[in-house]
């Protein structure tokens, strides 16, 4: 992951649409929509109730909403995702929680059902 360009700290509440180009780390609360060409990191104390569109998404806290991820979606041991996700790669670590549908994209020719 790149350096963190934007930090939503603990105790911070944002509602609405967040647009970014770099890496966004969330340790507070965001409700609405997040769109970035970079990466989104939801820290252990972070909560997101939003649709997220990002290059990479790492969930260490809680996310409720759908995710569209250009590369890799990672759910860490304390992470929770309730929602559907589209991504190229999916990593769910032991202890993580995922409830929703997943759709792998861009896996190459001959691998479609």
PDB file of N, CA and C in Angstrom:
ATOM      1  N   UNK A   1       0.838  -1.188   0.000  1.00  0.00           N
ATOM      2  CA  UNK A   1       0.000   0.000   0.000  1.00  0.00           C
ATOM      3  C   UNK A   1       0.885   1.255   0.000  1.00  0.00           C
ATOM      4  N   UNK A   2       0.329   2.288  -0.611  1.00  0.00           N
ATOM      5  CA  UNK A   2       1.014   3.570  -0.643  1.00  0.00           C
ATOM      6  C   UNK A   2       0.932   4.252   0.716  1.00  0.00           C
ATOM      7  N   UNK A   3       1.589   5.394   0.831  1.00  0.00           N
ATOM      8  CA  UNK A   3       1.465   6.177   2.048  1.00  0.00           C
ATOM      9  C   UNK A   3       0.032   6.658   2.191  1.00  0.00           C
ATOM     10  N   UNK A   4      -0.395   6.936   3.408  1.00  0.00           N
ATOM     11  CA  UNK A   4      -1.754   7.415   3.662  1.00  0.00           C
ATOM     12  C   UNK A   4      -1.816   8.888   3.289  1.00  0.00           C
ATOM     13  N   UNK A   5      -2.720   9.233   2.368  1.00  0.00           N
ATOM     14  CA  UNK A   5      -2.895  10.618   1.944  1.00  0.00           C
ATOM     15  C   UNK A   5      -3.968  11.323   2.767  1.00  0.00           C
ATOM     16  N   UNK A   6      -5.003  10.567   3.175  1.00  0.00           N
ATOM     17  CA  UNK A   6      -6.108  11.141   3.937  1.00  0.00           C
ATOM     18  C   UNK A   6      -6.439  10.220   5.102  1.00  0.00           C
ATOM     19  N   UNK A   7      -6.582  10.790   6.287  1.00  0.00           N
ATOM     20  CA  UNK A   7      -6.909  10.025   7.484  1.00  0.00           C
ATOM     21  C   UNK A   7      -8.203  10.564   8.079  1.00  0.00           C
ATOM     22  N   UNK A   8      -9.168   9.655   8.263  1.00  0.00           N
ATOM     23  CA  UNK A   8     -10.385   9.993   9.001  1.00  0.00           C
ATOM     24  C   UNK A   8     -10.191   9.389  10.382  1.00  0.00           C
ATOM     25  N   UNK A   9      -9.862  10.238  11.351  1.00  0.00           N
ATOM     26  CA  UNK A   9      -9.468   9.779  12.670  1.00  0.00           C
ATOM     27  C   UNK A   9     -10.624   9.310  13.538  1.00  0.00           C
ATOM     28  N   UNK A  10     -10.255   8.591  14.604  1.00  0.00           N
ATOM     29  CA  UNK A  10     -11.233   8.142  15.594  1.00  0.00           C
ATOM     30  C   UNK A  10     -12.018   9.336  16.105  1.00  0.00           C
ATOM     31  N   UNK A  11     -13.326   9.161  16.265  1.00  0.00           N
ATOM     32  CA  UNK A  11     -14.167  10.242  16.750  1.00  0.00           C
ATOM     33  C   UNK A  11     -14.664  11.161  15.650  1.00  0.00           C
ATOM     34  N   UNK A  12     -14.241  10.931  14.408  1.00  0.00           N
ATOM     35  CA  UNK A  12     -14.687  11.747  13.277  1.00  0.00           C
ATOM     36  C   UNK A  12     -15.830  11.058  12.560  1.00  0.00           C
ATOM     37  N   UNK A  13     -16.875  11.813  12.219  1.00  0.00           N
ATOM     38  CA  UNK A  13     -18.049  11.304  11.517  1.00  0.00           C
ATOM     39  C   UNK A  13     -18.209  12.094  10.229  1.00  0.00           C
ATOM     40  N   UNK A  14     -18.219  11.385   9.102  1.00  0.00           N
ATOM     41  CA  UNK A  14     -18.458  12.013   7.805  1.00  0.00           C
ATOM     42  C   UNK A  14     -19.669  11.373   7.160  1.00  0.00           C
ATOM     43  N   UNK A  15     -20.553  12.200   6.602  1.00  0.00           N
ATOM     44  CA  UNK A  15     -21.711  11.699   5.867  1.00  0.00           C
ATOM     45  C   UNK A  15     -21.705  12.342   4.497  1.00  0.00           C
ATOM     46  N   UNK A  16     -21.954  11.516   3.459  1.00  0.00           N
ATOM     47  CA  UNK A  16     -21.991  12.035   2.102  1.00  0.00           C
ATOM     48  C   UNK A  16     -21.043  11.270   1.200  1.00  0.00           C
ATOM     49  N   UNK A  17     -20.622  11.915   0.128  1.00  0.00           N
ATOM     50  CA  UNK A  17     -19.738  11.296  -0.863  1.00  0.00           C
ATOM     51  C   UNK A  17     -18.307  11.767  -0.632  1.00  0.00           C
ATOM     52  N   UNK A  18     -17.391  10.810  -0.506  1.00  0.00           N
ATOM     53  CA  UNK A  18     -15.973  11.117  -0.337  1.00  0.00           C
ATOM     54  C   UNK A  18     -15.258  10.693  -1.614  1.00  0.00           C
ATOM     55  N   UNK A  19     -14.562  11.633  -2.258  1.00  0.00           N
ATOM     56  CA  UNK A  19     -13.791  11.338  -3.460  1.00  0.00           C
ATOM     57  C   UNK A  19     -12.327  11.621  -3.159  1.00  0.00           C
ATOM     58  N   UNK A  20     -11.471  10.685  -3.578  1.00  0.00           N
ATOM     59  CA  UNK A  20     -10.042  10.837  -3.318  1.00  0.00           C
ATOM     60  C   UNK A  20      -9.250  10.217  -4.464  1.00  0.00           C
ATOM     61  N   UNK A  21      -7.954  10.525  -4.504  1.00  0.00           N
ATOM     62  CA  UNK A  21      -7.079   9.922  -5.507  1.00  0.00           C
ATOM     63  C   UNK A  21      -6.017   9.054  -4.878  1.00  0.00           C
ATOM     64  N   UNK A  22      -5.703   9.277  -3.654  1.00  0.00           N
ATOM     65  CA  UNK A  22      -4.648   8.524  -2.987  1.00  0.00           C
ATOM     66  C   UNK A  22      -5.221   7.511  -2.020  1.00  0.00           C
ATOM     67  N   UNK A  23      -4.422   7.173  -1.023  1.00  0.00           N
ATOM     68  CA  UNK A  23      -4.821   6.199  -0.011  1.00  0.00           C
ATOM     69  C   UNK A  23      -5.604   6.888   1.100  1.00  0.00           C
ATOM     70  N   UNK A  24      -6.743   6.304   1.440  1.00  0.00           N
ATOM     71  CA  UNK A  24      -7.631   6.822   2.472  1.00  0.00           C
ATOM     72  C   UNK A  24      -7.694   5.813   3.609  1.00  0.00           C
ATOM     73  N   UNK A  25      -7.338   6.248   4.822  1.00  0.00           N
ATOM     74  CA  UNK A  25      -7.436   5.380   6.003  1.00  0.00           C
ATOM     75  C   UNK A  25      -8.579   5.895   6.878  1.00  0.00           C
ATOM     76  N   UNK A  26      -9.423   4.964   7.313  1.00  0.00           N
ATOM     77  CA  UNK A  26     -10.600   5.326   8.100  1.00  0.00           C
ATOM     78  C   UNK A  26     -10.518   4.665   9.469  1.00  0.00           C
ATOM     79  N   UNK A  27     -10.386   5.481  10.505  1.00  0.00           N
ATOM     80  CA  UNK A  27     -10.441   5.007  11.887  1.00  0.00           C
ATOM     81  C   UNK A  27     -11.667   5.577  12.594  1.00  0.00           C
ATOM     82  N   UNK A  28     -12.432   6.397  11.881  1.00  0.00           N
ATOM     83  CA  UNK A  28     -13.668   6.980  12.388  1.00  0.00           C
ATOM     84  C   UNK A  28     -14.862   6.317  11.733  1.00  0.00           C
ATOM     85  N   UNK A  29     -15.855   7.145  11.321  1.00  0.00           N
ATOM     86  CA  UNK A  29     -17.105   6.638  10.762  1.00  0.00           C
ATOM     87  C   UNK A  29     -17.425   7.404   9.489  1.00  0.00           C
ATOM     88  N   UNK A  30     -17.716   6.677   8.405  1.00  0.00           N
ATOM     89  CA  UNK A  30     -18.158   7.290   7.155  1.00  0.00           C
ATOM     90  C   UNK A  30     -19.453   6.619   6.725  1.00  0.00           C
ATOM     91  N   UNK A  31     -20.434   7.448   6.365  1.00  0.00           N
ATOM     92  CA  UNK A  31     -21.697   6.949   5.841  1.00  0.00           C
ATOM     93  C   UNK A  31     -21.969   7.649   4.518  1.00  0.00           C
ATOM     94  N   UNK A  32     -22.245   6.866   3.471  1.00  0.00           N
ATOM     95  CA  UNK A  32     -22.538   7.457   2.164  1.00  0.00           C
ATOM     96  C   UNK A  32     -21.885   6.684   1.047  1.00  0.00           C
ATOM     97  N   UNK A  33     -20.886   7.311   0.409  1.00  0.00           N
ATOM     98  CA  UNK A  33     -20.185   6.680  -0.708  1.00  0.00           C
ATOM     99  C   UNK A  33     -18.722   7.111  -0.687  1.00  0.00           C
ATOM    100  N   UNK A  34     -17.832   6.157  -1.006  1.00  0.00           N
ATOM    101  CA  UNK A  34     -16.397   6.442  -1.090  1.00  0.00           C
ATOM    102  C   UNK A  34     -15.933   6.026  -2.470  1.00  0.00           C
ATOM    103  N   UNK A  35     -15.285   6.952  -3.183  1.00  0.00           N
ATOM    104  CA  UNK A  35     -14.755   6.670  -4.503  1.00  0.00           C
ATOM    105  C   UNK A  35     -13.314   7.158  -4.541  1.00  0.00           C
ATOM    106  N   UNK A  36     -12.387   6.249  -4.844  1.00  0.00           N
ATOM    107  CA  UNK A  36     -10.983   6.634  -4.962  1.00  0.00           C
ATOM    108  C   UNK A  36     -10.296   5.787  -6.019  1.00  0.00           C
ATOM    109  N   UNK A  37      -9.311   6.387  -6.683  1.00  0.00           N
ATOM    110  CA  UNK A  37      -8.486   5.635  -7.617  1.00  0.00           C
ATOM    111  C   UNK A  37      -7.363   4.925  -6.864  1.00  0.00           C
ATOM    112  N   UNK A  38      -7.227   5.236  -5.592  1.00  0.00           N
ATOM    113  CA  UNK A  38      -6.204   4.625  -4.742  1.00  0.00           C
ATOM    114  C   UNK A  38      -6.793   3.531  -3.865  1.00  0.00           C
ATOM    115  N   UNK A  39      -6.251   3.416  -2.661  1.00  0.00           N
ATOM    116  CA  UNK A  39      -6.608   2.345  -1.741  1.00  0.00           C
ATOM    117  C   UNK A  39      -7.425   2.882  -0.570  1.00  0.00           C
ATOM    118  N   UNK A  40      -8.263   2.011  -0.011  1.00  0.00           N
ATOM    119  CA  UNK A  40      -9.012   2.336   1.201  1.00  0.00           C
ATOM    120  C   UNK A  40      -8.635   1.327   2.269  1.00  0.00           C
ATOM    121  N   UNK A  41      -8.280   1.833   3.449  1.00  0.00           N
ATOM    122  CA  UNK A  41      -7.947   0.998   4.599  1.00  0.00           C
ATOM    123  C   UNK A  41      -8.929   1.357   5.712  1.00  0.00           C
ATOM    124  N   UNK A  42      -9.693   0.376   6.153  1.00  0.00           N
ATOM    125  CA  UNK A  42     -10.586   0.588   7.292  1.00  0.00           C
ATOM    126  C   UNK A  42      -9.901  -0.022   8.508  1.00  0.00           C
ATOM    127  N   UNK A  43      -9.474   0.838   9.433  1.00  0.00           N
ATOM    128  CA  UNK A  43      -8.774   0.375  10.628  1.00  0.00           C
ATOM    129  C   UNK A  43      -9.705  -0.388  11.562  1.00  0.00           C
ATOM    130  N   UNK A  44      -9.134  -1.038  12.562  1.00  0.00           N
ATOM    131  CA  UNK A  44      -9.912  -1.847  13.518  1.00  0.00           C
ATOM    132  C   UNK A  44     -11.024  -1.065  14.183  1.00  0.00           C
ATOM    133  N   UNK A  45     -10.828   0.222  14.436  1.00  0.00           N
ATOM    134  CA  UNK A  45     -11.838   1.061  15.088  1.00  0.00           C
ATOM    135  C   UNK A  45     -12.751   1.749  14.065  1.00  0.00           C
ATOM    136  N   UNK A  46     -12.487   1.560  12.779  1.00  0.00           N
ATOM    137  CA  UNK A  46     -13.243   2.227  11.730  1.00  0.00           C
ATOM    138  C   UNK A  46     -14.549   1.533  11.400  1.00  0.00           C
ATOM    139  N   UNK A  47     -15.547   2.345  11.013  1.00  0.00           N
ATOM    140  CA  UNK A  47     -16.839   1.837  10.575  1.00  0.00           C
ATOM    141  C   UNK A  47     -17.238   2.574   9.310  1.00  0.00           C
ATOM    142  N   UNK A  48     -17.625   1.809   8.296  1.00  0.00           N
ATOM    143  CA  UNK A  48     -18.052   2.378   7.029  1.00  0.00           C
ATOM    144  C   UNK A  48     -19.416   1.799   6.685  1.00  0.00           C
ATOM    145  N   UNK A  49     -20.386   2.684   6.448  1.00  0.00           N
ATOM    146  CA  UNK A  49     -21.695   2.288   5.932  1.00  0.00           C
ATOM    147  C   UNK A  49     -21.829   3.000   4.596  1.00  0.00           C
ATOM    148  N   UNK A  50     -21.283   2.375   3.557  1.00  0.00           N
ATOM    149  CA  UNK A  50     -21.185   3.052   2.272  1.00  0.00           C
ATOM    150  C   UNK A  50     -20.870   2.064   1.167  1.00  0.00           C
ATOM    151  N   UNK A  51     -21.110   2.506  -0.067  1.00  0.00           N
ATOM    152  CA  UNK A  51     -20.569   1.789  -1.207  1.00  0.00           C
ATOM    153  C   UNK A  51     -19.149   2.305  -1.385  1.00  0.00           C
ATOM    154  N   UNK A  52     -18.207   1.380  -1.615  1.00  0.00           N
ATOM    155  CA  UNK A  52     -16.807   1.752  -1.762  1.00  0.00           C
ATOM    156  C   UNK A  52     -16.307   1.303  -3.130  1.00  0.00           C
ATOM    157  N   UNK A  53     -15.693   2.231  -3.854  1.00  0.00           N
ATOM    158  CA  UNK A  53     -15.024   1.927  -5.111  1.00  0.00           C
ATOM    159  C   UNK A  53     -13.567   2.326  -4.937  1.00  0.00           C
ATOM    160  N   UNK A  54     -12.645   1.346  -5.090  1.00  0.00           N
ATOM    161  CA  UNK A  54     -11.229   1.606  -4.839  1.00  0.00           C
ATOM    162  C   UNK A  54     -10.360   0.622  -5.613  1.00  0.00           C
ATOM    163  N   UNK A  55      -9.056   0.924  -5.683  1.00  0.00           N
ATOM    164  CA  UNK A  55      -8.100   0.007  -6.300  1.00  0.00           C
ATOM    165  C   UNK A  55      -7.918  -1.217  -5.408  1.00  0.00           C
ATOM    166  N   UNK A  56      -7.621  -0.999  -4.124  1.00  0.00           N
ATOM    167  CA  UNK A  56      -7.506  -2.053  -3.121  1.00  0.00           C
ATOM    168  C   UNK A  56      -8.331  -1.637  -1.912  1.00  0.00           C
ATOM    169  N   UNK A  57      -8.915  -2.621  -1.234  1.00  0.00           N
ATOM    170  CA  UNK A  57      -9.695  -2.352  -0.024  1.00  0.00           C
ATOM    171  C   UNK A  57      -9.263  -3.329   1.050  1.00  0.00           C
ATOM    172  N   UNK A  58      -8.833  -2.792   2.182  1.00  0.00           N
ATOM    173  CA  UNK A  58      -8.442  -3.601   3.330  1.00  0.00           C
ATOM    174  C   UNK A  58      -9.384  -3.274   4.476  1.00  0.00           C
ATOM    175  N   UNK A  59     -10.048  -4.314   5.011  1.00  0.00           N
ATOM    176  CA  UNK A  59     -11.030  -4.108   6.070  1.00  0.00           C
ATOM    177  C   UNK A  59     -10.521  -4.724   7.371  1.00  0.00           C
ATOM    178  N   UNK A  60     -10.210  -3.853   8.332  1.00  0.00           N
ATOM    179  CA  UNK A  60      -9.814  -4.301   9.654  1.00  0.00           C
ATOM    180  C   UNK A  60     -10.908  -4.030  10.671  1.00  0.00           C
ATOM    181  N   UNK A  61     -11.843  -3.177  10.302  1.00  0.00           N
ATOM    182  CA  UNK A  61     -12.972  -2.811  11.153  1.00  0.00           C
ATOM    183  C   UNK A  61     -14.265  -3.357  10.584  1.00  0.00           C
ATOM    184  N   UNK A  62     -15.281  -2.493  10.469  1.00  0.00           N
ATOM    185  CA  UNK A  62     -16.604  -2.915  10.021  1.00  0.00           C
ATOM    186  C   UNK A  62     -17.018  -2.147   8.785  1.00  0.00           C
ATOM    187  N   UNK A  63     -17.517  -2.879   7.797  1.00  0.00           N
ATOM    188  CA  UNK A  63     -18.062  -2.251   6.597  1.00  0.00           C
ATOM    189  C   UNK A  63     -19.408  -2.874   6.269  1.00  0.00           C
ATOM    190  N   UNK A  64     -20.409  -2.007   6.075  1.00  0.00           N
ATOM    191  CA  UNK A  64     -21.716  -2.423   5.588  1.00  0.00           C
ATOM    192  C   UNK A  64     -21.952  -1.682   4.285  1.00  0.00           C
ATOM    193  N   UNK A  65     -22.037  -2.434   3.201  1.00  0.00           N
ATOM    194  CA  UNK A  65     -22.231  -1.830   1.886  1.00  0.00           C
ATOM    195  C   UNK A  65     -21.495  -2.643   0.843  1.00  0.00           C
ATOM    196  N   UNK A  66     -21.714  -2.294  -0.407  1.00  0.00           N
ATOM    197  CA  UNK A  66     -21.098  -3.024  -1.504  1.00  0.00           C
ATOM    198  C   UNK A  66     -19.740  -2.435  -1.845  1.00  0.00           C
ATOM    199  N   UNK A  67     -18.855  -3.302  -2.365  1.00  0.00           N
ATOM    200  CA  UNK A  67     -17.503  -2.889  -2.718  1.00  0.00           C
ATOM    201  C   UNK A  67     -17.211  -3.254  -4.164  1.00  0.00           C
ATOM    202  N   UNK A  68     -16.621  -2.308  -4.888  1.00  0.00           N
ATOM    203  CA  UNK A  68     -16.121  -2.552  -6.232  1.00  0.00           C
ATOM    204  C   UNK A  68     -14.633  -2.257  -6.166  1.00  0.00           C
ATOM    205  N   UNK A  69     -13.831  -3.318  -6.276  1.00  0.00           N
ATOM    206  CA  UNK A  69     -12.393  -3.209  -6.038  1.00  0.00           C
ATOM    207  C   UNK A  69     -11.648  -3.636  -7.305  1.00  0.00           C
ATOM    208  N   UNK A  70     -10.806  -2.758  -7.811  1.00  0.00           N
ATOM    209  CA  UNK A  70     -10.074  -3.040  -9.043  1.00  0.00           C
ATOM    210  C   UNK A  70      -9.056  -4.153  -8.907  1.00  0.00           C
ATOM    211  N   UNK A  71      -8.470  -4.300  -7.731  1.00  0.00           N
ATOM    212  CA  UNK A  71      -7.447  -5.320  -7.513  1.00  0.00           C
ATOM    213  C   UNK A  71      -7.829  -6.276  -6.386  1.00  0.00           C
ATOM    214  N   UNK A  72      -7.383  -5.972  -5.145  1.00  0.00           N
ATOM    215  CA  UNK A  72      -7.503  -6.938  -4.047  1.00  0.00           C
ATOM    216  C   UNK A  72      -8.378  -6.420  -2.905  1.00  0.00           C
ATOM    217  N   UNK A  73      -9.306  -7.273  -2.480  1.00  0.00           N
ATOM    218  CA  UNK A  73     -10.103  -7.034  -1.280  1.00  0.00           C
ATOM    219  C   UNK A  73      -9.570  -7.949  -0.195  1.00  0.00           C
ATOM    220  N   UNK A  74      -9.128  -7.370   0.919  1.00  0.00           N
ATOM    221  CA  UNK A  74      -8.607  -8.141   2.051  1.00  0.00           C
ATOM    222  C   UNK A  74      -9.449  -7.864   3.283  1.00  0.00           C
ATOM    223  N   UNK A  75      -9.892  -8.942   3.934  1.00  0.00           N
ATOM    224  CA  UNK A  75     -10.620  -8.806   5.195  1.00  0.00           C
ATOM    225  C   UNK A  75      -9.725  -9.398   6.285  1.00  0.00           C
ATOM    226  N   UNK A  76      -9.287  -8.553   7.192  1.00  0.00           N
ATOM    227  CA  UNK A  76      -8.341  -8.939   8.235  1.00  0.00           C
ATOM    228  C   UNK A  76      -9.058  -9.681   9.362  1.00  0.00           C
ATOM    229  N   UNK A  77      -8.323 -10.288  10.311  1.00  0.00           N
ATOM    230  CA  UNK A  77      -8.937 -11.122  11.352  1.00  0.00           C
ATOM    231  C   UNK A  77     -10.074 -10.481  12.141  1.00  0.00           C
ATOM    232  N   UNK A  78     -10.034  -9.159  12.392  1.00  0.00           N
ATOM    233  CA  UNK A  78     -11.110  -8.491  13.132  1.00  0.00           C
ATOM    234  C   UNK A  78     -12.096  -7.798  12.196  1.00  0.00           C
ATOM    235  N   UNK A  79     -11.897  -7.956  10.897  1.00  0.00           N
ATOM    236  CA  UNK A  79     -12.716  -7.267   9.910  1.00  0.00           C
ATOM    237  C   UNK A  79     -14.071  -7.921   9.684  1.00  0.00           C
ATOM    238  N   UNK A  80     -15.058  -7.067   9.348  1.00  0.00           N
ATOM    239  CA  UNK A  80     -16.418  -7.532   9.043  1.00  0.00           C
ATOM    240  C   UNK A  80     -16.888  -6.822   7.783  1.00  0.00           C
ATOM    241  N   UNK A  81     -17.371  -7.609   6.821  1.00  0.00           N
ATOM    242  CA  UNK A  81     -17.977  -7.055   5.616  1.00  0.00           C
ATOM    243  C   UNK A  81     -19.358  -7.665   5.449  1.00  0.00           C
ATOM    244  N   UNK A  82     -20.370  -6.801   5.442  1.00  0.00           N
ATOM    245  CA  UNK A  82     -21.733  -7.218   5.151  1.00  0.00           C
ATOM    246  C   UNK A  82     -22.128  -6.466   3.887  1.00  0.00           C
ATOM    247  N   UNK A  83     -22.132  -7.179   2.771  1.00  0.00           N
ATOM    248  CA  UNK A  83     -22.432  -6.572   1.480  1.00  0.00           C
ATOM    249  C   UNK A  83     -21.798  -7.380   0.373  1.00  0.00           C
ATOM    250  N   UNK A  84     -22.133  -7.033  -0.843  1.00  0.00           N
ATOM    251  CA  UNK A  84     -21.603  -7.726  -2.007  1.00  0.00           C
ATOM    252  C   UNK A  84     -20.295  -7.080  -2.448  1.00  0.00           C
ATOM    253  N   UNK A  85     -19.445  -7.893  -3.093  1.00  0.00           N
ATOM    254  CA  UNK A  85     -18.140  -7.389  -3.507  1.00  0.00           C
ATOM    255  C   UNK A  85     -17.751  -7.926  -4.877  1.00  0.00           C
ATOM    256  N   UNK A  86     -17.160  -7.043  -5.688  1.00  0.00           N
ATOM    257  CA  UNK A  86     -16.560  -7.422  -6.969  1.00  0.00           C
ATOM    258  C   UNK A  86     -15.090  -7.070  -6.872  1.00  0.00           C
ATOM    259  N   UNK A  87     -14.219  -8.007  -7.249  1.00  0.00           N
ATOM    260  CA  UNK A  87     -12.796  -7.776  -7.136  1.00  0.00           C
ATOM    261  C   UNK A  87     -12.036  -8.767  -8.008  1.00  0.00           C
ATOM    262  N   UNK A  88     -10.730  -8.529  -8.211  1.00  0.00           N
ATOM    263  CA  UNK A  88      -9.875  -9.493  -8.914  1.00  0.00           C
ATOM    264  C   UNK A  88      -9.386 -10.571  -7.958  1.00  0.00           C
ATOM    265  N   UNK A  89      -8.991 -10.153  -6.743  1.00  0.00           N
ATOM    266  CA  UNK A  89      -8.472 -11.101  -5.744  1.00  0.00           C
ATOM    267  C   UNK A  89      -9.177 -10.858  -4.417  1.00  0.00           C
ATOM    268  N   UNK A  90      -9.416 -11.954  -3.684  1.00  0.00           N
ATOM    269  CA  UNK A  90     -10.095 -11.873  -2.388  1.00  0.00           C
ATOM    270  C   UNK A  90      -9.278 -12.640  -1.358  1.00  0.00           C
ATOM    271  N   UNK A  91      -8.973 -11.966  -0.245  1.00  0.00           N
ATOM    272  CA  UNK A  91      -8.244 -12.585   0.858  1.00  0.00           C
ATOM    273  C   UNK A  91      -9.097 -12.422   2.116  1.00  0.00           C
ATOM    274  N   UNK A  92      -9.514 -13.547   2.696  1.00  0.00           N
ATOM    275  CA  UNK A  92     -10.286 -13.512   3.944  1.00  0.00           C
ATOM    276  C   UNK A  92      -9.461 -14.243   4.993  1.00  0.00           C
ATOM    277  N   UNK A  93      -8.952 -13.508   5.955  1.00  0.00           N
ATOM    278  CA  UNK A  93      -8.102 -14.112   6.971  1.00  0.00           C
ATOM    279  C   UNK A  93      -8.938 -14.802   8.050  1.00  0.00           C
ATOM    280  N   UNK A  94      -8.318 -15.746   8.742  1.00  0.00           N
ATOM    281  CA  UNK A  94      -8.997 -16.486   9.805  1.00  0.00           C
ATOM    282  C   UNK A  94      -9.515 -15.509  10.857  1.00  0.00           C
ATOM    283  N   UNK A  95     -10.777 -15.667  11.227  1.00  0.00           N
ATOM    284  CA  UNK A  95     -11.408 -14.794  12.211  1.00  0.00           C
ATOM    285  C   UNK A  95     -12.230 -13.685  11.583  1.00  0.00           C
ATOM    286  N   UNK A  96     -12.057 -13.457  10.287  1.00  0.00           N
ATOM    287  CA  UNK A  96     -12.807 -12.410   9.587  1.00  0.00           C
ATOM    288  C   UNK A  96     -14.246 -12.861   9.358  1.00  0.00           C
ATOM    289  N   UNK A  97     -15.133 -11.894   9.078  1.00  0.00           N
ATOM    290  CA  UNK A  97     -16.540 -12.184   8.822  1.00  0.00           C
ATOM    291  C   UNK A  97     -16.929 -11.559   7.497  1.00  0.00           C
ATOM    292  N   UNK A  98     -17.568 -12.347   6.622  1.00  0.00           N
ATOM    293  CA  UNK A  98     -18.049 -11.858   5.334  1.00  0.00           C
ATOM    294  C   UNK A  98     -19.418 -12.447   5.077  1.00  0.00           C
ATOM    295  N   UNK A  99     -20.422 -11.568   4.893  1.00  0.00           N
ATOM    296  CA  UNK A  99     -21.772 -12.015   4.570  1.00  0.00           C
ATOM    297  C   UNK A  99     -22.223 -11.232   3.344  1.00  0.00           C
ATOM    298  N   UNK A 100     -22.307 -11.924   2.223  1.00  0.00           N
ATOM    299  CA  UNK A 100     -22.706 -11.287   0.977  1.00  0.00           C
ATOM    300  C   UNK A 100     -22.261 -12.150  -0.188  1.00  0.00           C
ATOM    301  N   UNK A 101     -22.372 -11.601  -1.371  1.00  0.00           N
ATOM    302  CA  UNK A 101     -21.938 -12.317  -2.569  1.00  0.00           C
ATOM    303  C   UNK A 101     -20.608 -11.744  -3.042  1.00  0.00           C
ATOM    304  N   UNK A 102     -19.788 -12.609  -3.626  1.00  0.00           N
ATOM    305  CA  UNK A 102     -18.537 -12.143  -4.206  1.00  0.00           C
ATOM    306  C   UNK A 102     -18.503 -12.516  -5.675  1.00  0.00           C
ATOM    307  N   UNK A 103     -17.938 -11.623  -6.466  1.00  0.00           N
ATOM    308  CA  UNK A 103     -17.799 -11.849  -7.900  1.00  0.00           C
ATOM    309  C   UNK A 103     -16.367 -11.523  -8.297  1.00  0.00           C
ATOM    310  N   UNK A 104     -15.682 -12.540  -8.816  1.00  0.00           N
ATOM    311  CA  UNK A 104     -14.307 -12.342  -9.263  1.00  0.00           C
ATOM    312  C   UNK A 104     -14.337 -11.763 -10.670  1.00  0.00           C
ATOM    313  N   UNK A 105     -13.503 -10.768 -10.936  1.00  0.00           N
ATOM    314  CA  UNK A 105     -13.436 -10.128 -12.235  1.00  0.00           C
ATOM    315  C   UNK A 105     -12.062 -10.281 -12.860  1.00  0.00           C
ATOM    316  N   UNK A 106     -12.012 -10.243 -14.173  1.00  0.00           N
ATOM    317  CA  UNK A 106     -10.749 -10.182 -14.887  1.00  0.00           C
ATOM    318  C   UNK A 106      -9.825 -11.350 -14.651  1.00  0.00           C
ATOM    319  N   UNK A 107     -10.375 -12.565 -14.570  1.00  0.00           N
ATOM    320  CA  UNK A 107      -9.546 -13.745 -14.317  1.00  0.00           C
ATOM    321  C   UNK A 107      -8.973 -14.349 -15.586  1.00  0.00           C
ATOM    322  N   UNK A 108      -9.255 -13.754 -16.727  1.00  0.00           N
ATOM    323  CA  UNK A 108      -8.678 -14.257 -17.976  1.00  0.00           C
ATOM    324  C   UNK A 108      -9.645 -15.133 -18.745  1.00  0.00           C
ATOM    325  N   UNK A 109      -9.287 -15.419 -19.968  1.00  0.00           N
ATOM    326  CA  UNK A 109     -10.145 -16.203 -20.841  1.00  0.00           C
ATOM    327  C   UNK A 109     -10.150 -17.658 -20.436  1.00  0.00           C
ATOM    328  N   UNK A 110     -11.261 -18.326 -20.714  1.00  0.00           N
ATOM    329  CA  UNK A 110     -11.348 -19.758 -20.456  1.00  0.00           C
ATOM    330  C   UNK A 110     -11.717 -20.105 -19.037  1.00  0.00           C
ATOM    331  N   UNK A 111     -11.863 -19.144 -18.172  1.00  0.00           N
ATOM    332  CA  UNK A 111     -12.176 -19.432 -16.786  1.00  0.00           C
ATOM    333  C   UNK A 111     -13.612 -19.073 -16.431  1.00  0.00           C
ATOM    334  N   UNK A 112     -14.357 -18.542 -17.398  1.00  0.00           N
ATOM    335  CA  UNK A 112     -15.734 -18.191 -17.126  1.00  0.00           C
ATOM    336  C   UNK A 112     -16.599 -19.426 -17.149  1.00  0.00           C
ATOM    337  N   UNK A 113     -17.669 -19.394 -16.360  1.00  0.00           N
ATOM    338  CA  UNK A 113     -18.586 -20.543 -16.316  1.00  0.00           C
ATOM    339  C   UNK A 113     -19.616 -20.399 -17.401  1.00  0.00           C
TER     340      UNK A 113
END
